[in-house]
C-alpha cells in the first residue's frame, strides 16, 4: 500500500493512494509553474477547496473528461451542477464522508471563495484525508493561521500541505506557528512563488521547520513526487 504526492505548482497536487487518483485544486491552465497540461491529467476524484479561479481552475473540464467525482462545499457543488456535472459531492465545514479512497473531512479555512463568474462560492475550506491505507494527510487550502489547527494534532497527520505565500494567506511566520499546532511528520509548503506578490523564501522556511519544530519540511518543484513513508 502506498501514497504518492505529486506537486504541480501553486496549490495543485495529485495524490495517488493505492491507485486511486485525487487531484486537489486543479489549476493547470494559466499556472506558470505547471509542467503538465490539463488535458493530460488523470483523476478519479477532484477536491476543490474554494471558488477562486486559481483553485477551481480546470475542475469542470477535468471532471467532464475523466468522469471524476468532485468533492467541494455545497455552494460550489450547486455551481458545478449548473455547469452540467452530475458526479459532485457537497460537504461543509466540519463534515466528512467515507469515499472509496478513505474519509474526507472539510476543515476550517479563513479566506474568500467567490467563484470566477461572481457566484457565491460558500465558505472556503481545507481537507483532512484519512486514507484507507492508514495515512493521514491535511491540505490547508488558502487560509490564515487559526488556532483550530491545534485539534489536527489529535489526528496524527503524516503530511501537511500548507500555504506559506503571505499576502493572500498566512506567510512563513504564521505557517511555522501552524506547524507547531498541527505537529505533522512532514510539511510540504504550497501557494508561494507562483507570482511576485506571493514570492517568499521557501528555503528559509524549510530551515526554520528544522530548527523550530519537530517536523520535516520537504520542498517540491512542479512535477516532483514525494512517497509518504
Foldseek 3Di string as FASTA:
>chain_A
DWWKWAFQAFQWIWIQQVNATEIFQDAAVPQPQGPDHLVVDEHQEYEAQAAECSRCPCVLVNCVVHVHAYEYAPQVQVVSVVVVRDRYDHDDAQDWDQDPFGIKHWHAAPAAHQHPVRGHTDHGTWIWGQGPVGAIETEGGAHEQDLVLLVLLVVQHAEYEEEAQPPRGHHLVSVLVSCQSNVYQEYEYHNADSDPSRHDDVVVSQVCCVVPHNHHYDYDGHRDMDIRD
